[in-house]
Structures are given as structure tokens and as C-alpha cells.
């Protein structure tokens, strides 16, 4: 996902479906690693996601396959 605001778009997806899936989490981590920094827009999006998760409005979905 090579867009300037890829992390923001992934956060928007999690907010829309009200779930943090392993796929979204992995994609966010991959983007953070690829970019090597966090833009102000992405940082604010991640802050919002964390606050929504802390408030219980976003459900953390466990991985389907446990090793």
C-alpha cells in the first residue's frame, strides 16, 4: 500500500468496521517499518485508533490461527 496516508486509510478501515483485525494491524506495522517515520496525519490517526480501542468502541479480533 504505497500511498502517502496509508496508515490513516488503514485506521479509517478499522474505525469503519469497528474491529482491529490481525490483517489491519500487520499492514499498519508494515507501513511503519517501510516509511521509517510517522507523519503528523498518521500519528493523529493512530492516536484516535488507540483512544477508540481504550474506550471499547473498537474490538480487537484475535488471529484465526494460533501456533
PDB file of N, CA and C in Angstrom:
ATOM      1  N   UNK A   1       0.862  -1.170   0.000  1.00  0.00           N
ATOM      2  CA  UNK A   1       0.000   0.000   0.000  1.00  0.00           C
ATOM      3  C   UNK A   1       0.908   1.232   0.000  1.00  0.00           C
ATOM      4  N   UNK A   2       1.239   1.746  -1.117  1.00  0.00           N
ATOM      5  CA  UNK A   2       2.193   2.835  -1.236  1.00  0.00           C
ATOM      6  C   UNK A   2       1.519   4.182  -1.455  1.00  0.00           C
ATOM      7  N   UNK A   3       0.642   4.576  -0.551  1.00  0.00           N
ATOM      8  CA  UNK A   3       0.024   5.886  -0.628  1.00  0.00           C
ATOM      9  C   UNK A   3       0.578   6.744   0.493  1.00  0.00           C
ATOM     10  N   UNK A   4       0.556   8.071   0.330  1.00  0.00           N
ATOM     11  CA  UNK A   4       1.127   8.938   1.362  1.00  0.00           C
ATOM     12  C   UNK A   4       0.459   8.793   2.730  1.00  0.00           C
ATOM     13  N   UNK A   5      -0.802   8.438   2.747  1.00  0.00           N
ATOM     14  CA  UNK A   5      -1.514   8.334   4.010  1.00  0.00           C
ATOM     15  C   UNK A   5      -2.045   6.923   4.221  1.00  0.00           C
ATOM     16  N   UNK A   6      -1.203   5.926   3.936  1.00  0.00           N
ATOM     17  CA  UNK A   6      -1.622   4.528   4.028  1.00  0.00           C
ATOM     18  C   UNK A   6      -2.066   4.162   5.434  1.00  0.00           C
ATOM     19  N   UNK A   7      -1.349   4.638   6.433  1.00  0.00           N
ATOM     20  CA  UNK A   7      -1.704   4.307   7.810  1.00  0.00           C
ATOM     21  C   UNK A   7      -3.063   4.906   8.147  1.00  0.00           C
ATOM     22  N   UNK A   8      -3.280   6.143   7.738  1.00  0.00           N
ATOM     23  CA  UNK A   8      -4.570   6.783   8.004  1.00  0.00           C
ATOM     24  C   UNK A   8      -5.706   5.986   7.372  1.00  0.00           C
ATOM     25  N   UNK A   9      -5.505   5.512   6.162  1.00  0.00           N
ATOM     26  CA  UNK A   9      -6.544   4.742   5.477  1.00  0.00           C
ATOM     27  C   UNK A   9      -6.809   3.408   6.196  1.00  0.00           C
ATOM     28  N   UNK A  10      -5.765   2.787   6.705  1.00  0.00           N
ATOM     29  CA  UNK A  10      -5.943   1.546   7.461  1.00  0.00           C
ATOM     30  C   UNK A  10      -6.698   1.809   8.768  1.00  0.00           C
ATOM     31  N   UNK A  11      -6.379   2.907   9.421  1.00  0.00           N
ATOM     32  CA  UNK A  11      -7.091   3.287  10.643  1.00  0.00           C
ATOM     33  C   UNK A  11      -8.562   3.554  10.317  1.00  0.00           C
ATOM     34  N   UNK A  12      -8.808   4.250   9.216  1.00  0.00           N
ATOM     35  CA  UNK A  12     -10.193   4.511   8.808  1.00  0.00           C
ATOM     36  C   UNK A  12     -10.954   3.204   8.606  1.00  0.00           C
ATOM     37  N   UNK A  13     -10.299   2.223   8.026  1.00  0.00           N
ATOM     38  CA  UNK A  13     -10.933   0.926   7.809  1.00  0.00           C
ATOM     39  C   UNK A  13     -11.289   0.277   9.142  1.00  0.00           C
ATOM     40  N   UNK A  14     -10.351   0.306  10.098  1.00  0.00           N
ATOM     41  CA  UNK A  14     -10.610  -0.274  11.418  1.00  0.00           C
ATOM     42  C   UNK A  14     -11.757   0.455  12.115  1.00  0.00           C
ATOM     43  N   UNK A  15     -11.792   1.775  11.990  1.00  0.00           N
ATOM     44  CA  UNK A  15     -12.871   2.545  12.603  1.00  0.00           C
ATOM     45  C   UNK A  15     -14.212   2.231  11.946  1.00  0.00           C
ATOM     46  N   UNK A  16     -14.208   2.046  10.655  1.00  0.00           N
ATOM     47  CA  UNK A  16     -15.447   1.773   9.920  1.00  0.00           C
ATOM     48  C   UNK A  16     -16.041   0.416  10.307  1.00  0.00           C
ATOM     49  N   UNK A  17     -15.182  -0.593  10.368  1.00  0.00           N
ATOM     50  CA  UNK A  17     -15.681  -1.927  10.695  1.00  0.00           C
ATOM     51  C   UNK A  17     -15.713  -2.179  12.206  1.00  0.00           C
ATOM     52  N   UNK A  18     -15.192  -1.214  12.977  1.00  0.00           N
ATOM     53  CA  UNK A  18     -15.169  -1.287  14.445  1.00  0.00           C
ATOM     54  C   UNK A  18     -14.410  -2.501  14.950  1.00  0.00           C
ATOM     55  N   UNK A  19     -13.361  -2.870  14.210  1.00  0.00           N
ATOM     56  CA  UNK A  19     -12.522  -4.006  14.584  1.00  0.00           C
ATOM     57  C   UNK A  19     -11.083  -3.742  14.185  1.00  0.00           C
ATOM     58  N   UNK A  20     -10.174  -4.179  15.041  1.00  0.00           N
ATOM     59  CA  UNK A  20      -8.757  -4.185  14.689  1.00  0.00           C
ATOM     60  C   UNK A  20      -8.414  -5.636  14.389  1.00  0.00           C
ATOM     61  N   UNK A  21      -8.336  -5.957  13.103  1.00  0.00           N
ATOM     62  CA  UNK A  21      -8.045  -7.324  12.683  1.00  0.00           C
ATOM     63  C   UNK A  21      -6.533  -7.519  12.607  1.00  0.00           C
ATOM     64  N   UNK A  22      -6.084  -8.766  12.664  1.00  0.00           N
ATOM     65  CA  UNK A  22      -4.648  -9.031  12.508  1.00  0.00           C
ATOM     66  C   UNK A  22      -4.114  -8.500  11.170  1.00  0.00           C
ATOM     67  N   UNK A  23      -4.950  -8.541  10.128  1.00  0.00           N
ATOM     68  CA  UNK A  23      -4.514  -8.056   8.822  1.00  0.00           C
ATOM     69  C   UNK A  23      -4.274  -6.545   8.845  1.00  0.00           C
ATOM     70  N   UNK A  24      -5.176  -5.806   9.482  1.00  0.00           N
ATOM     71  CA  UNK A  24      -5.005  -4.353   9.572  1.00  0.00           C
ATOM     72  C   UNK A  24      -3.786  -4.032  10.425  1.00  0.00           C
ATOM     73  N   UNK A  25      -3.656  -4.727  11.557  1.00  0.00           N
ATOM     74  CA  UNK A  25      -2.509  -4.494  12.434  1.00  0.00           C
ATOM     75  C   UNK A  25      -1.189  -4.771  11.720  1.00  0.00           C
ATOM     76  N   UNK A  26      -1.119  -5.880  10.988  1.00  0.00           N
ATOM     77  CA  UNK A  26       0.100  -6.219  10.240  1.00  0.00           C
ATOM     78  C   UNK A  26       0.390  -5.189   9.155  1.00  0.00           C
ATOM     79  N   UNK A  27      -0.649  -4.717   8.472  1.00  0.00           N
ATOM     80  CA  UNK A  27      -0.461  -3.715   7.425  1.00  0.00           C
ATOM     81  C   UNK A  27       0.046  -2.395   8.017  1.00  0.00           C
ATOM     82  N   UNK A  28      -0.487  -2.001   9.174  1.00  0.00           N
ATOM     83  CA  UNK A  28      -0.009  -0.782   9.837  1.00  0.00           C
ATOM     84  C   UNK A  28       1.450  -0.945  10.224  1.00  0.00           C
ATOM     85  N   UNK A  29       1.794  -2.077  10.825  1.00  0.00           N
ATOM     86  CA  UNK A  29       3.189  -2.321  11.210  1.00  0.00           C
ATOM     87  C   UNK A  29       4.115  -2.328  10.006  1.00  0.00           C
ATOM     88  N   UNK A  30       3.676  -2.922   8.910  1.00  0.00           N
ATOM     89  CA  UNK A  30       4.491  -2.947   7.687  1.00  0.00           C
ATOM     90  C   UNK A  30       4.723  -1.543   7.152  1.00  0.00           C
ATOM     91  N   UNK A  31       3.676  -0.723   7.162  1.00  0.00           N
ATOM     92  CA  UNK A  31       3.813   0.661   6.691  1.00  0.00           C
ATOM     93  C   UNK A  31       4.744   1.472   7.585  1.00  0.00           C
ATOM     94  N   UNK A  32       4.621   1.276   8.893  1.00  0.00           N
ATOM     95  CA  UNK A  32       5.518   1.984   9.818  1.00  0.00           C
ATOM     96  C   UNK A  32       6.968   1.596   9.558  1.00  0.00           C
ATOM     97  N   UNK A  33       7.206   0.316   9.329  1.00  0.00           N
ATOM     98  CA  UNK A  33       8.558  -0.164   9.037  1.00  0.00           C
ATOM     99  C   UNK A  33       9.045   0.377   7.701  1.00  0.00           C
ATOM    100  N   UNK A  34       8.181   0.342   6.699  1.00  0.00           N
ATOM    101  CA  UNK A  34       8.570   0.794   5.371  1.00  0.00           C
ATOM    102  C   UNK A  34       8.891   2.288   5.355  1.00  0.00           C
ATOM    103  N   UNK A  35       8.033   3.086   6.003  1.00  0.00           N
ATOM    104  CA  UNK A  35       8.215   4.533   5.976  1.00  0.00           C
ATOM    105  C   UNK A  35       9.378   4.977   6.852  1.00  0.00           C
ATOM    106  N   UNK A  36       9.569   4.302   7.979  1.00  0.00           N
ATOM    107  CA  UNK A  36      10.655   4.681   8.875  1.00  0.00           C
ATOM    108  C   UNK A  36      10.344   5.893   9.740  1.00  0.00           C
ATOM    109  N   UNK A  37       9.193   6.485   9.545  1.00  0.00           N
ATOM    110  CA  UNK A  37       8.751   7.620  10.370  1.00  0.00           C
ATOM    111  C   UNK A  37       7.228   7.691  10.311  1.00  0.00           C
ATOM    112  N   UNK A  38       6.664   8.533  11.162  1.00  0.00           N
ATOM    113  CA  UNK A  38       5.208   8.686  11.187  1.00  0.00           C
ATOM    114  C   UNK A  38       4.890  10.146  10.905  1.00  0.00           C
ATOM    115  N   UNK A  39       4.075  10.381   9.878  1.00  0.00           N
ATOM    116  CA  UNK A  39       3.657  11.746   9.568  1.00  0.00           C
ATOM    117  C   UNK A  39       2.691  12.233  10.645  1.00  0.00           C
ATOM    118  N   UNK A  40       2.489  13.527  10.710  1.00  0.00           N
ATOM    119  CA  UNK A  40       1.557  14.095  11.683  1.00  0.00           C
ATOM    120  C   UNK A  40       0.153  13.541  11.489  1.00  0.00           C
ATOM    121  N   UNK A  41      -0.261  13.405  10.232  1.00  0.00           N
ATOM    122  CA  UNK A  41      -1.603  12.886   9.924  1.00  0.00           C
ATOM    123  C   UNK A  41      -1.738  11.442  10.395  1.00  0.00           C
ATOM    124  N   UNK A  42      -0.730  10.633  10.109  1.00  0.00           N
ATOM    125  CA  UNK A  42      -0.775   9.236  10.532  1.00  0.00           C
ATOM    126  C   UNK A  42      -0.711   9.117  12.048  1.00  0.00           C
ATOM    127  N   UNK A  43       0.084   9.960  12.700  1.00  0.00           N
ATOM    128  CA  UNK A  43       0.196   9.938  14.149  1.00  0.00           C
ATOM    129  C   UNK A  43      -1.154  10.241  14.800  1.00  0.00           C
ATOM    130  N   UNK A  44      -1.836  11.250  14.297  1.00  0.00           N
ATOM    131  CA  UNK A  44      -3.148  11.609  14.831  1.00  0.00           C
ATOM    132  C   UNK A  44      -4.151  10.471  14.615  1.00  0.00           C
ATOM    133  N   UNK A  45      -4.069   9.815  13.467  1.00  0.00           N
ATOM    134  CA  UNK A  45      -4.964   8.690  13.185  1.00  0.00           C
ATOM    135  C   UNK A  45      -4.694   7.542  14.160  1.00  0.00           C
ATOM    136  N   UNK A  46      -3.425   7.253  14.420  1.00  0.00           N
ATOM    137  CA  UNK A  46      -3.083   6.185  15.356  1.00  0.00           C
ATOM    138  C   UNK A  46      -3.518   6.535  16.777  1.00  0.00           C
ATOM    139  N   UNK A  47      -3.381   7.791  17.154  1.00  0.00           N
ATOM    140  CA  UNK A  47      -3.859   8.229  18.469  1.00  0.00           C
ATOM    141  C   UNK A  47      -5.371   8.012  18.597  1.00  0.00           C
ATOM    142  N   UNK A  48      -6.103   8.371  17.561  1.00  0.00           N
ATOM    143  CA  UNK A  48      -7.554   8.184  17.567  1.00  0.00           C
ATOM    144  C   UNK A  48      -7.897   6.704  17.692  1.00  0.00           C
ATOM    145  N   UNK A  49      -7.216   5.869  16.925  1.00  0.00           N
ATOM    146  CA  UNK A  49      -7.468   4.433  16.978  1.00  0.00           C
ATOM    147  C   UNK A  49      -7.222   3.892  18.382  1.00  0.00           C
ATOM    148  N   UNK A  50      -6.125   4.290  18.998  1.00  0.00           N
ATOM    149  CA  UNK A  50      -5.808   3.815  20.344  1.00  0.00           C
ATOM    150  C   UNK A  50      -6.854   4.283  21.359  1.00  0.00           C
ATOM    151  N   UNK A  51      -7.296   5.519  21.242  1.00  0.00           N
ATOM    152  CA  UNK A  51      -8.298   6.019  22.187  1.00  0.00           C
ATOM    153  C   UNK A  51      -9.633   5.305  21.993  1.00  0.00           C
ATOM    154  N   UNK A  52      -9.986   4.999  20.755  1.00  0.00           N
ATOM    155  CA  UNK A  52     -11.222   4.256  20.484  1.00  0.00           C
ATOM    156  C   UNK A  52     -11.130   2.821  21.017  1.00  0.00           C
ATOM    157  N   UNK A  53      -9.956   2.220  20.894  1.00  0.00           N
ATOM    158  CA  UNK A  53      -9.764   0.873  21.429  1.00  0.00           C
ATOM    159  C   UNK A  53      -9.815   0.902  22.958  1.00  0.00           C
ATOM    160  N   UNK A  54      -9.177   1.895  23.567  1.00  0.00           N
ATOM    161  CA  UNK A  54      -9.197   2.022  25.027  1.00  0.00           C
ATOM    162  C   UNK A  54     -10.614   2.219  25.545  1.00  0.00           C
ATOM    163  N   UNK A  55     -11.431   2.932  24.780  1.00  0.00           N
ATOM    164  CA  UNK A  55     -12.814   3.197  25.185  1.00  0.00           C
ATOM    165  C   UNK A  55     -13.728   2.005  24.905  1.00  0.00           C
ATOM    166  N   UNK A  56     -13.213   0.986  24.226  1.00  0.00           N
ATOM    167  CA  UNK A  56     -14.001  -0.204  23.945  1.00  0.00           C
ATOM    168  C   UNK A  56     -14.901  -0.098  22.728  1.00  0.00           C
ATOM    169  N   UNK A  57     -14.685   0.932  21.918  1.00  0.00           N
ATOM    170  CA  UNK A  57     -15.524   1.096  20.728  1.00  0.00           C
ATOM    171  C   UNK A  57     -14.954   0.369  19.508  1.00  0.00           C
ATOM    172  N   UNK A  58     -13.706  -0.066  19.611  1.00  0.00           N
ATOM    173  CA  UNK A  58     -13.066  -0.864  18.564  1.00  0.00           C
ATOM    174  C   UNK A  58     -12.686  -2.195  19.195  1.00  0.00           C
ATOM    175  N   UNK A  59     -13.132  -3.271  18.591  1.00  0.00           N
ATOM    176  CA  UNK A  59     -12.877  -4.607  19.129  1.00  0.00           C
ATOM    177  C   UNK A  59     -11.604  -5.173  18.519  1.00  0.00           C
ATOM    178  N   UNK A  60     -10.746  -5.729  19.364  1.00  0.00           N
ATOM    179  CA  UNK A  60      -9.540  -6.396  18.895  1.00  0.00           C
ATOM    180  C   UNK A  60      -9.904  -7.827  18.546  1.00  0.00           C
ATOM    181  N   UNK A  61      -9.712  -8.176  17.281  1.00  0.00           N
ATOM    182  CA  UNK A  61     -10.062  -9.513  16.791  1.00  0.00           C
ATOM    183  C   UNK A  61      -8.793 -10.367  16.844  1.00  0.00           C
ATOM    184  N   UNK A  62      -8.839 -11.498  17.556  1.00  0.00           N
ATOM    185  CA  UNK A  62      -7.646 -12.357  17.634  1.00  0.00           C
ATOM    186  C   UNK A  62      -7.363 -13.051  16.310  1.00  0.00           C
ATOM    187  N   UNK A  63      -6.156 -13.498  16.176  1.00  0.00           N
ATOM    188  CA  UNK A  63      -5.764 -14.239  14.994  1.00  0.00           C
ATOM    189  C   UNK A  63      -6.552 -15.529  14.906  1.00  0.00           C
ATOM    190  N   UNK A  64      -6.898 -15.915  13.701  1.00  0.00           N
ATOM    191  CA  UNK A  64      -7.666 -17.145  13.488  1.00  0.00           C
ATOM    192  C   UNK A  64      -6.848 -18.390  13.738  1.00  0.00           C
ATOM    193  N   UNK A  65      -5.553 -18.286  13.487  1.00  0.00           N
ATOM    194  CA  UNK A  65      -4.678 -19.446  13.581  1.00  0.00           C
ATOM    195  C   UNK A  65      -3.651 -19.242  14.686  1.00  0.00           C
ATOM    196  N   UNK A  66      -3.789 -19.968  15.739  1.00  0.00           N
ATOM    197  CA  UNK A  66      -2.841 -19.881  16.843  1.00  0.00           C
ATOM    198  C   UNK A  66      -1.784 -20.952  16.672  1.00  0.00           C
ATOM    199  N   UNK A  67      -0.556 -20.571  16.875  1.00  0.00           N
ATOM    200  CA  UNK A  67       0.561 -21.528  16.722  1.00  0.00           C
ATOM    201  C   UNK A  67       0.958 -22.057  18.080  1.00  0.00           C
TER     202      UNK A  67
END
